[in-house]
Amino acid sequence: MPQTKNINLLELNTAFDTQEECLAYLEKLRWPDGAECPRCKGKKVSRIVRRAQYDCDSCRYQFSVTSGTIFHDSHLPLPKWFLAIYLMLESRKGISSNQMRRMLKVAPKTAWYLTHRIRKAMEEANPRKLDGTVEVDETYIGGRYDKRRKRGPWEKQAVMGMIERDGKFEAQTIPTPSARTLVGIIRERIEPSATVFSDEYPAYKSVAKSHKRHDAVNHTAEEWVRGEVHTNNIESAWSLFNRSIVGAFHKISTKHMNAYLNEFEWRFNNRSNPYLFRDTIQKLITADKLEYRELIA
């Protein structure tokens, strides 16, 4: 099994430049104790070498390592899948589907669908609640304010983010930055024992009733730090996400914004993970498939 700790592009192209090498790697990740029938979970299987498949001795079901995974219904060769995953992980500001199309030499539709399926797999199914010291902040995403177009915050997408000091980051779109919405998310996603820091936005005032401590800095009065009270970490995360829009994506639709936030969360939260490539492949093996008709619905 190739060593994928802190793998670089040259090592990736050497280790996974053929379909057979990629299949062997997927087998090691999916079945570390040997091949298993996905239908009856039987371990007595026979290998069909010519077709890179297995035949279950119990239920006679024929399957491959990609059966039931996100890779199964794809006509794209696995080396291109692996390269696409690597590029999305290592591009600090993200990579657009148009850039992916040029690098992989695939159709625009293929590149767009490919990147969205990878983003779907990056979604955390049951994330743990945030704890410790947590910074919260809401923002609007959708481009710069232009007085000639008279576009204000109400024409952009409201997004809420939360970040643990030296820990996880979470973000999601919200219908409106009301007290009911913001405080409801805080109660749902942050442990009551946590300390919550925010800005002076009035919607956060009732957080103190449900959590151990709540304190705020007054940005309107140009107060950015007061002792340990600040929101610099969440502001830095927003800055990085906005740079990815300006520098890579240029434009994100409201419909798919949560998918881009999921990608950013996964990359941000695993920025120090030396096995990020391996862990992402593992998620792709177990992730639910995203149908194209569901994506464009």
Protein backbone atom coordinates (compact mmCIF):
# COMPACT_ATOMS: atom_id res chain seq x y z
CA MET A 1 0.00 0.00 0.00
CA PRO A 2 1.58 3.33 -1.04
CA GLN A 3 2.63 5.73 1.67
CA THR A 4 0.24 8.69 1.48
CA LYS A 5 1.43 10.65 4.52
CA ASN A 6 2.07 14.23 3.35
CA ILE A 7 1.97 12.98 -0.24
CA ASN A 8 3.03 15.45 -2.91
CA LEU A 9 1.98 15.71 -6.55
CA LEU A 10 4.99 13.84 -7.93
CA GLU A 11 4.48 10.98 -5.47
CA LEU A 12 0.77 10.87 -6.29
CA ASN A 13 1.42 10.56 -10.03
CA THR A 14 3.98 7.83 -9.41
CA ALA A 15 1.89 5.79 -6.95
CA PHE A 16 -1.49 6.10 -8.68
CA ASP A 17 -0.87 6.47 -12.39
CA THR A 18 -2.78 3.32 -13.36
CA GLN A 19 -6.29 2.01 -12.75
CA GLU A 20 -4.90 -1.14 -11.12
CA GLU A 21 -2.86 0.80 -8.55
CA CYS A 22 -5.89 2.91 -7.60
CA LEU A 23 -8.11 -0.18 -7.26
CA ALA A 24 -5.52 -1.86 -5.04
CA TYR A 25 -5.40 1.22 -2.78
CA LEU A 26 -9.20 1.35 -2.52
CA GLU A 27 -9.26 -2.34 -1.58
CA LYS A 28 -6.81 -1.78 1.27
CA LEU A 29 -8.89 1.11 2.61
CA ARG A 30 -12.30 -0.51 2.17
CA TRP A 31 -11.36 -4.05 3.20
CA PRO A 32 -8.27 -3.99 5.44
CA ASP A 33 -9.04 -7.57 6.55
CA GLY A 34 -9.81 -8.92 3.08
CA ALA A 35 -12.62 -8.54 0.55
CA GLU A 36 -16.19 -8.71 1.84
CA CYS A 37 -19.46 -9.11 -0.04
CA PRO A 38 -21.41 -5.82 0.19
CA ARG A 39 -24.72 -7.71 -0.07
CA CYS A 40 -24.46 -10.54 2.49
CA LYS A 41 -21.22 -9.47 4.26
CA GLY A 42 -19.72 -12.86 3.48
CA LYS A 43 -15.93 -13.13 3.52
CA LYS A 44 -15.65 -16.22 1.33
CA VAL A 45 -15.18 -14.69 -2.09
CA SER A 46 -13.40 -15.63 -5.30
CA ARG A 47 -11.46 -13.13 -7.36
CA ILE A 48 -12.32 -12.66 -11.05
CA VAL A 49 -8.95 -11.34 -12.18
CA ARG A 50 -9.86 -10.56 -15.78
CA ARG A 51 -12.67 -8.20 -14.78
CA ALA A 52 -11.16 -6.88 -11.50
CA GLN A 53 -14.21 -8.23 -9.66
CA TYR A 54 -15.16 -10.70 -6.94
CA ASP A 55 -17.75 -13.47 -6.79
CA CYS A 56 -19.37 -14.19 -3.41
CA ASP A 57 -19.33 -17.92 -2.62
CA SER A 58 -22.43 -17.56 -0.44
CA CYS A 59 -24.92 -15.46 -2.44
CA ARG A 60 -23.15 -15.54 -5.85
CA TYR A 61 -23.21 -11.73 -6.02
CA GLN A 62 -20.51 -10.33 -8.28
CA PHE A 63 -19.00 -7.04 -7.17
CA SER A 64 -15.92 -4.85 -7.34
CA VAL A 65 -14.21 -2.60 -4.81
CA THR A 66 -16.12 0.38 -6.22
CA SER A 67 -19.57 -1.28 -5.89
CA GLY A 68 -21.92 0.86 -3.83
CA THR A 69 -19.42 3.74 -3.68
CA ILE A 70 -19.24 7.16 -5.28
CA PHE A 71 -16.81 5.74 -7.88
CA HIS A 72 -19.14 2.99 -9.13
CA ASP A 73 -21.17 4.78 -11.79
CA SER A 74 -18.33 6.98 -13.03
CA HIS A 75 -16.73 6.60 -16.45
CA LEU A 76 -13.81 8.75 -15.31
CA PRO A 77 -10.61 6.73 -14.73
CA LEU A 78 -9.60 6.43 -11.09
CA PRO A 79 -6.20 8.16 -11.61
CA LYS A 80 -8.14 11.27 -12.67
CA TRP A 81 -10.42 10.91 -9.62
CA PHE A 82 -7.37 10.73 -7.36
CA LEU A 83 -5.78 13.75 -9.03
CA ALA A 84 -9.00 15.77 -8.73
CA ILE A 85 -9.25 14.95 -5.01
CA TYR A 86 -5.63 15.94 -4.46
CA LEU A 87 -6.06 19.26 -6.30
CA MET A 88 -9.14 20.16 -4.25
CA LEU A 89 -7.36 19.34 -1.00
CA GLU A 90 -4.12 21.12 -1.76
CA SER A 91 -5.59 24.28 -3.29
CA ARG A 92 -5.75 26.55 -0.27
CA LYS A 93 -8.32 28.83 -1.89
CA GLY A 94 -10.13 26.02 -3.68
CA ILE A 95 -10.17 25.14 -7.36
CA SER A 96 -12.95 25.94 -9.82
CA SER A 97 -14.57 23.29 -11.99
CA ASN A 98 -13.37 25.24 -15.04
CA GLN A 99 -9.77 24.96 -13.86
CA MET A 100 -10.36 21.27 -13.11
CA ARG A 101 -11.70 20.82 -16.64
CA ARG A 102 -8.53 22.27 -18.14
CA MET A 103 -6.18 20.24 -15.96
CA LEU A 104 -7.94 16.88 -16.38
CA LYS A 105 -8.97 17.40 -20.01
CA VAL A 106 -12.62 16.51 -19.36
CA ALA A 107 -15.97 18.03 -20.36
CA PRO A 108 -17.25 21.03 -18.35
CA LYS A 109 -20.25 19.02 -17.12
CA THR A 110 -17.95 16.19 -15.97
CA ALA A 111 -15.68 18.55 -14.04
CA TRP A 112 -18.60 20.33 -12.37
CA TYR A 113 -20.30 17.09 -11.34
CA LEU A 114 -16.99 15.61 -10.19
CA THR A 115 -16.15 18.50 -7.86
CA HIS A 116 -19.64 18.53 -6.36
CA ARG A 117 -19.55 14.78 -5.64
CA ILE A 118 -16.25 15.23 -3.82
CA ARG A 119 -17.69 18.15 -1.83
CA LYS A 120 -20.70 16.03 -0.87
CA ALA A 121 -18.38 13.37 0.57
CA MET A 122 -16.58 16.01 2.64
CA GLU A 123 -19.80 16.77 4.52
CA GLU A 124 -19.71 15.75 8.18
CA ALA A 125 -22.63 13.39 8.90
CA ASN A 126 -22.78 13.69 12.70
CA PRO A 127 -20.30 16.33 13.81
CA ARG A 128 -19.61 16.66 17.52
CA LYS A 129 -20.71 19.81 19.33
CA LEU A 130 -18.18 22.58 19.75
CA ASP A 131 -16.77 23.21 23.21
CA GLY A 132 -14.17 25.24 25.07
CA THR A 133 -13.91 28.82 23.83
CA VAL A 134 -16.00 29.34 20.69
CA GLU A 135 -16.15 32.43 18.51
CA VAL A 136 -19.34 33.06 16.52
CA ASP A 137 -20.08 35.51 13.75
CA GLU A 138 -22.53 36.06 10.93
CA THR A 139 -21.68 37.47 7.53
CA TYR A 140 -23.12 38.03 4.07
CA ILE A 141 -21.70 36.37 0.98
CA GLY A 142 -22.47 37.30 -2.58
CA GLY A 143 -20.07 39.95 -3.81
CA ARG A 144 -19.12 43.50 -2.96
CA TYR A 145 -21.59 46.24 -2.27
CA ASP A 146 -21.86 48.46 -5.33
CA LYS A 147 -23.80 51.70 -4.89
CA ARG A 148 -24.43 51.85 -8.64
CA ARG A 149 -26.34 48.57 -8.39
CA LYS A 150 -27.75 49.51 -4.99
CA ARG A 151 -27.14 46.01 -3.73
CA GLY A 152 -27.10 45.72 0.03
CA PRO A 153 -26.78 42.89 2.57
CA TRP A 154 -30.39 41.90 2.06
CA GLU A 155 -29.53 40.79 -1.49
CA LYS A 156 -26.67 38.56 -0.35
CA GLN A 157 -26.75 35.18 1.38
CA ALA A 158 -26.56 35.26 5.17
CA VAL A 159 -24.10 32.74 6.63
CA MET A 160 -23.26 31.89 10.23
CA GLY A 161 -19.91 30.53 11.39
CA MET A 162 -18.48 29.15 14.63
CA ILE A 163 -14.92 28.24 15.48
CA GLU A 164 -13.24 26.71 18.52
CA ARG A 165 -9.99 28.29 19.63
CA ASP A 166 -7.37 25.90 18.19
CA GLY A 167 -10.19 23.62 17.06
CA LYS A 168 -12.98 23.04 14.57
CA PHE A 169 -14.73 25.47 12.27
CA GLU A 170 -18.38 25.20 11.20
CA ALA A 171 -20.49 27.30 8.87
CA GLN A 172 -23.93 27.14 7.30
CA THR A 173 -26.33 29.31 5.38
CA ILE A 174 -29.20 30.83 7.35
CA PRO A 175 -32.51 32.33 6.17
CA THR A 176 -32.04 35.48 8.24
CA PRO A 177 -29.62 36.64 10.99
CA SER A 178 -32.38 36.93 13.57
CA ALA A 179 -31.91 36.23 17.27
CA ARG A 180 -34.12 33.16 17.01
CA THR A 181 -32.00 31.71 14.19
CA LEU A 182 -28.55 32.56 15.54
CA VAL A 183 -29.17 31.63 19.17
CA GLY A 184 -31.00 28.49 18.07
CA ILE A 185 -27.94 27.31 16.13
CA ILE A 186 -25.64 28.19 19.03
CA ARG A 187 -27.75 26.10 21.43
CA GLU A 188 -27.86 23.23 18.96
CA ARG A 189 -24.17 23.17 17.99
CA ILE A 190 -22.27 24.50 21.05
CA GLU A 191 -22.09 22.78 24.42
CA PRO A 192 -23.68 24.71 27.33
CA SER A 193 -20.36 24.49 29.17
CA ALA A 194 -18.60 26.51 26.45
CA THR A 195 -17.55 30.15 26.54
CA VAL A 196 -18.99 32.07 23.57
CA PHE A 197 -17.44 35.24 22.15
CA SER A 198 -19.19 37.38 19.52
CA ASP A 199 -19.42 40.95 18.30
CA GLU A 200 -21.95 43.49 19.61
CA TYR A 201 -24.81 42.32 17.35
CA PRO A 202 -27.96 42.48 19.57
CA ALA A 203 -29.18 39.04 18.44
CA TYR A 204 -26.47 37.39 20.60
CA LYS A 205 -27.55 38.97 23.90
CA SER A 206 -29.55 35.96 25.11
CA VAL A 207 -26.63 33.53 24.62
CA ALA A 208 -25.60 34.14 28.24
CA LYS A 209 -28.81 32.46 29.40
CA SER A 210 -27.94 29.11 27.84
CA HIS A 211 -24.14 28.98 28.05
CA LYS A 212 -21.49 29.23 30.72
CA ARG A 213 -20.25 32.62 29.57
CA HIS A 214 -20.90 35.08 26.78
CA ASP A 215 -18.90 38.18 26.06
CA ALA A 216 -18.64 40.54 23.09
CA VAL A 217 -16.35 43.09 21.50
CA ASN A 218 -17.77 46.32 20.11
CA HIS A 219 -16.59 46.59 16.53
CA THR A 220 -18.69 49.72 15.99
CA ALA A 221 -16.55 51.50 18.59
CA GLU A 222 -13.43 50.00 16.93
CA GLU A 223 -12.85 47.61 19.81
CA TRP A 224 -11.25 44.50 18.33
CA VAL A 225 -9.62 42.83 21.34
CA ARG A 226 -10.33 43.09 25.06
CA GLY A 227 -8.13 40.66 26.93
CA GLU A 228 -9.09 37.19 25.70
CA VAL A 229 -12.33 38.45 24.19
CA HIS A 230 -12.14 38.76 20.38
CA THR A 231 -13.47 37.23 17.18
CA ASN A 232 -10.23 37.33 15.22
CA ASN A 233 -10.22 33.61 14.43
CA ILE A 234 -13.68 33.52 12.88
CA GLU A 235 -12.93 36.74 11.00
CA SER A 236 -9.77 35.14 9.57
CA ALA A 237 -11.78 32.11 8.45
CA TRP A 238 -14.29 34.37 6.67
CA SER A 239 -11.45 36.25 5.04
CA LEU A 240 -9.96 33.03 3.70
CA PHE A 241 -13.32 31.81 2.40
CA ASN A 242 -14.01 35.14 0.69
CA ARG A 243 -10.59 35.03 -0.96
CA SER A 244 -11.45 31.60 -2.36
CA ILE A 245 -14.55 33.10 -3.98
CA VAL A 246 -12.67 36.07 -5.42
CA GLY A 247 -9.61 34.09 -6.50
CA ALA A 248 -11.03 30.72 -7.61
CA PHE A 249 -14.80 30.47 -7.87
CA HIS A 250 -15.66 34.13 -8.65
CA LYS A 251 -19.33 33.38 -8.07
CA ILE A 252 -21.26 30.92 -5.88
CA SER A 253 -24.99 30.30 -6.14
CA THR A 254 -27.07 30.29 -2.97
CA LYS A 255 -28.31 26.81 -3.83
CA HIS A 256 -24.83 25.25 -3.68
CA MET A 257 -23.23 27.52 -1.07
CA ASN A 258 -23.46 24.92 1.72
CA ALA A 259 -21.51 22.50 -0.49
CA TYR A 260 -18.67 25.02 -0.86
CA LEU A 261 -18.79 25.70 2.88
CA ASN A 262 -18.50 21.92 3.51
CA GLU A 263 -15.40 21.78 1.33
CA PHE A 264 -13.88 24.75 3.11
CA GLU A 265 -14.67 23.27 6.54
CA TRP A 266 -13.07 19.93 5.66
CA ARG A 267 -9.91 21.53 4.33
CA PHE A 268 -9.68 24.07 7.16
CA ASN A 269 -10.28 21.53 9.94
CA ASN A 270 -7.72 19.13 8.47
CA ARG A 271 -5.05 21.67 7.64
CA SER A 272 -2.57 19.91 9.95
CA ASN A 273 -3.62 16.35 9.08
CA PRO A 274 -0.72 14.53 7.34
CA TYR A 275 -3.13 11.80 6.18
CA LEU A 276 -5.69 14.15 4.64
CA PHE A 277 -5.60 12.48 1.21
CA ARG A 278 -6.14 9.02 2.70
CA ASP A 279 -8.92 10.19 5.01
CA THR A 280 -10.71 11.95 2.14
CA ILE A 281 -10.58 8.80 -0.02
CA GLN A 282 -11.99 6.88 2.96
CA LYS A 283 -14.93 9.29 3.15
CA LEU A 284 -15.56 8.93 -0.58
CA ILE A 285 -15.77 5.14 -0.18
CA THR A 286 -18.49 5.40 2.48
CA ALA A 287 -20.31 8.54 1.28
CA ASP A 288 -23.79 8.49 -0.22
CA LYS A 289 -23.86 8.94 -3.97
CA LEU A 290 -24.99 12.31 -5.28
CA GLU A 291 -27.12 11.85 -8.39
CA TYR A 292 -26.77 14.44 -11.15
CA ARG A 293 -30.54 14.99 -11.31
CA GLU A 294 -30.51 15.70 -7.57
CA LEU A 295 -27.69 18.21 -8.01
CA ILE A 296 -29.47 20.22 -10.72
CA ALA A 297 -32.99 19.90 -9.28
